[in-house]
Amino acid sequence: MHNSLVAALDIGGTKIAGALVDGNGAILHRAQRPTPAHDDGETVMHVVENVLAELTASPLWVGATALGIGSAGPVDASAGTVSPVNVPGWRGFPLVDRVSHAIGRHLPITLVGDGVAMTAAEHWQGAARGYDNALCMVVSTGVGGGLVLGGKPHAGPTGNAGHIGHISVDLDGDLCPCGGRGCVERIASGPNIARRALENGWRPGPGGDTSAAAVAEAARAGDPVATASYERAAQALAAGIAATATLVEIEIAVVGGGVAGAGDVLFGPLRRALRDYATLSFVQRLTVAPAVTGTDAGLVGAAAAAMLGRGEAAVPVGRG
């Protein structure tokens, strides 16, 4: 494992990144382009091909033994297709076949959703390292996630398992764009934290910044409306985490993404709310921790997925 080299692709609505990653999780070569998210599907694929061309041009490429793809979802790993919500040109797009064709040699390819990729990264190199059962979440424009069960990332049949953002935590709540009602994402995502603060009377400073980060800054300064919006988000996250822990007995919940950047404004009320929701004896010891793999989580997680797909456990034994 430690001598392995794999290729990784991280595909999102903002950027398409590629890397060659070694068996210790180090990125040895990388390439990145902005995602032409509003263009047609072939234009988006052309950017993926450009990123792959940069990887295949590296002298290290010959050592790559597998390729992992982490993509915004939904994905369908069984069909090799992706339908990222914020890339409308790709619906049921045959990404695995197209990537296989573009690299010009046979490599095993593993496709997972971006929540599963982030989870694989945190389990291999991050805050969930050494835990056999974990939930990892990305809280940003949306709320995604993934599970580690029995010591391995659990992607599910299509690669979307652990999608905690669409657990309903408010039966009479707002309609969510997914078609559900009162979803975690509808309450806890960055845009929804900001929307709720504005609706309840919060006003941005002179610069007019209405982002969740600006709401967090106001909450840190003691603004009661900004604080209440983060507390509501924390409550929704706690309810989703507690439900997951009760269902599959996770030991740790790792929270990453832009909203986690609020620090104690989010984690303080989240830990308090978890005490209210995670009440059964077997979930009371549940730990919550911020993610540590950062912006490279998608690439490192896609590499971990490639190694796991090839039958290598990209997971160290014991807590690091």
Foldseek 3Di string as FASTA:
>chain_A
DQAAWAKEWEAEQFKIKIFIAGLLLDTPDMDMDTAPQADAPVVRVVVVLVRLVRLLPDPCNVRHAAYFYAYAADFFQVQCAGCHPRRNNGDRHNVVVSVCVSNPDDHHYGYAYLQLLLVLLCCLPKDVAQFQWEKEWAAEQFIAIWIRHRNRTDLPNGRRPRGQQADAPDQQAPQDPVRHGRGLRCQAHFVNLLVQLVVVPDAAPPVRDSTLLRLLVVVVVPDPSSLVSLLRSLLSVLQSVLVVCVVRNGQEYEYEHDNCVSPCSNVVSNVVNNCVRNPDPSCNNRYYYYIDPPPCSNRSSSVCSGCVVVVHRSGDHHGD
